[in-house]
Protein backbone atom coordinates (compact mmCIF):
# COMPACT_ATOMS: atom_id res chain seq x y z
CA THR A 1 4.88 17.99 31.61
CA GLU A 2 2.05 16.03 30.05
CA LEU A 3 2.77 14.64 26.59
CA ARG A 4 -0.07 15.22 24.17
CA GLU A 5 -0.90 14.26 20.61
CA ARG A 6 1.64 15.20 18.00
CA THR A 7 1.44 16.51 14.50
CA GLU A 8 4.04 16.70 11.78
CA ILE A 9 4.51 19.53 9.32
CA LYS A 10 5.70 19.02 5.77
CA ASN A 11 6.52 21.25 2.78
CA LEU A 12 9.12 23.23 4.69
CA ASN A 13 11.68 24.53 2.23
CA SER A 14 13.60 26.97 4.44
CA ILE A 15 14.50 27.66 8.06
CA ARG A 16 12.35 30.79 7.94
CA ASN A 17 9.29 28.80 6.82
CA MET A 18 10.02 26.16 9.46
CA VAL A 19 9.98 28.84 12.18
CA LYS A 20 6.75 30.33 10.79
CA ALA A 21 5.07 26.92 10.58
CA ILE A 22 6.07 25.93 14.13
CA ASP A 23 4.91 29.29 15.48
CA TYR A 24 1.59 28.92 13.65
CA GLU A 25 1.12 25.35 14.93
CA VAL A 26 1.97 26.27 18.53
CA LYS A 27 -0.62 29.06 18.46
CA ARG A 28 -3.19 26.75 16.82
CA GLN A 29 -2.72 24.05 19.46
CA ILE A 30 -2.85 26.53 22.35
CA LYS A 31 -6.13 27.90 20.97
CA LEU A 32 -7.56 24.38 20.69
CA TYR A 33 -6.64 23.48 24.28
CA LYS A 34 -7.98 26.77 25.65
CA ASN A 35 -11.30 26.05 23.91
CA GLY A 36 -11.42 22.56 25.44
CA ASP A 37 -10.68 20.81 22.14
CA THR A 38 -7.96 18.27 21.49
CA VAL A 39 -5.28 18.06 18.84
CA LYS A 40 -5.83 15.24 16.37
CA PRO A 41 -2.71 13.41 15.18
CA ALA A 42 -2.17 14.57 11.61
CA THR A 43 0.23 15.32 8.83
CA LEU A 44 0.09 19.03 8.15
CA GLY A 45 1.43 21.02 5.26
CA TRP A 46 2.80 24.54 5.35
CA ASP A 47 1.07 26.71 2.76
CA GLU A 48 3.70 29.34 2.07
CA ALA A 49 1.46 31.43 -0.19
CA ASN A 50 -1.24 31.82 2.48
CA GLN A 51 1.10 31.60 5.48
CA LYS A 52 -0.96 28.92 7.17
CA ILE A 53 -1.07 25.22 7.91
CA THR A 54 -3.41 22.85 6.08
CA VAL A 55 -4.32 19.29 7.05
CA GLN A 56 -3.00 16.76 4.55
CA ARG A 57 -4.36 13.74 6.40
CA TYR A 58 -5.37 12.61 9.87
CA LYS A 59 -3.63 9.68 11.52
CA GLU A 60 -5.41 6.92 13.39
CA ARG A 61 -2.43 5.15 14.97
CA ALA A 62 1.07 6.10 16.09
CA ASP A 63 2.71 3.69 13.62
CA GLU A 64 1.31 5.74 10.73
CA TYR A 65 3.99 8.33 11.37
CA ARG A 66 6.49 6.12 9.57
CA TYR A 67 4.51 6.05 6.33
CA PHE A 68 3.51 8.79 3.98
CA PRO A 69 2.12 8.87 0.47
CA GLU A 70 4.52 9.50 -2.38
CA PRO A 71 3.49 12.94 -3.66
CA ASP A 72 4.59 12.22 -7.24
CA LEU A 73 2.45 9.09 -7.61
CA PRO A 74 -1.22 9.47 -8.51
CA ILE A 75 -3.91 7.58 -6.63
CA VAL A 76 -4.90 4.44 -8.48
CA GLU A 77 -8.41 3.16 -7.96
CA VAL A 78 -9.09 -0.41 -9.05
CA SER A 79 -12.62 -1.77 -9.20
CA ARG A 80 -13.60 -5.29 -8.14
CA GLU A 81 -14.32 -6.05 -11.79
CA GLN A 82 -10.80 -5.04 -12.79
CA VAL A 83 -9.33 -7.23 -10.05
CA ALA A 84 -11.42 -10.19 -11.23
CA GLU A 85 -10.34 -9.58 -14.84
CA ILE A 86 -6.67 -9.47 -13.87
CA LYS A 87 -7.00 -12.62 -11.74
CA ALA A 88 -8.59 -14.43 -14.67
CA LYS A 89 -5.54 -13.62 -16.83
CA LEU A 90 -3.00 -14.89 -14.29
CA PRO A 91 -1.36 -18.23 -15.06
CA THR A 92 -2.05 -21.25 -12.90
CA LEU A 93 0.40 -21.40 -10.00
CA PRO A 94 2.80 -24.36 -9.71
CA ASP A 95 1.07 -25.81 -6.63
CA GLN A 96 -2.27 -25.74 -8.44
CA LEU A 97 -0.73 -27.37 -11.52
CA GLN A 98 0.89 -30.05 -9.40
CA GLN A 99 -2.46 -30.82 -7.78
CA THR A 100 -4.15 -30.99 -11.20
CA PHE A 101 -1.44 -33.30 -12.54
CA THR A 102 -1.75 -35.68 -9.58
CA GLU A 103 -5.55 -35.65 -9.14
CA GLU A 104 -6.77 -35.40 -12.73
CA LEU A 105 -3.93 -37.05 -14.65
CA GLY A 106 -2.88 -39.60 -12.03
CA LEU A 107 0.78 -38.58 -11.92
CA SER A 108 2.86 -39.21 -8.82
CA VAL A 109 3.68 -36.25 -6.59
CA ILE A 110 7.34 -36.57 -7.63
CA ASP A 111 6.55 -36.55 -11.37
CA ALA A 112 4.13 -33.65 -10.98
CA GLY A 113 6.77 -31.77 -8.96
CA VAL A 114 9.38 -32.24 -11.68
CA LEU A 115 6.97 -31.09 -14.40
CA THR A 116 5.88 -27.99 -12.48
CA ALA A 117 9.36 -26.93 -11.30
CA GLU A 118 9.73 -24.80 -14.44
CA ARG A 119 6.82 -23.07 -16.14
CA ALA A 120 8.04 -23.84 -19.68
CA ILE A 121 8.12 -27.58 -18.97
CA ALA A 122 4.68 -27.49 -17.34
CA GLU A 123 3.23 -25.58 -20.31
CA TYR A 124 4.83 -28.03 -22.77
CA PHE A 125 3.41 -30.98 -20.83
CA GLN A 126 -0.06 -29.39 -20.78
CA SER A 127 0.18 -28.80 -24.53
CA VAL A 128 1.05 -32.44 -25.15
CA VAL A 129 -1.81 -33.63 -22.91
CA SER A 130 -4.30 -31.25 -24.56
CA HIS A 131 -3.50 -32.81 -27.95
CA GLY A 132 -4.47 -36.22 -26.64
CA VAL A 133 -1.01 -37.75 -26.61
CA ASP A 134 -0.69 -40.49 -23.97
């Protein structure tokens, strides 16, 4: 027996609907093969009201069968501008602060490491430096 592409069916809330969905899918695939078409890997949903299968999404690779969207979470679209705005609000990372402290303020790597080990200490040090205290 030749193994062919697979599909998965979701939204099955009873054994009776599972049997109906499998029967529908078997007939659909047989019809496709008889017409010379192929089955595309996909996640399918059983539409109980209309007694038919609907495509929820097509799959490109086999490893996509392990992942599925959470149906209760809405799609969130974030623009490039929003990403840039969020990045601008992020604090400076410890490695960046350490580099600033060593290159711009002339601190040793050890001193800069101690000052950047905890954010509160790094912020306090920056505050002192910004007020011109040597």
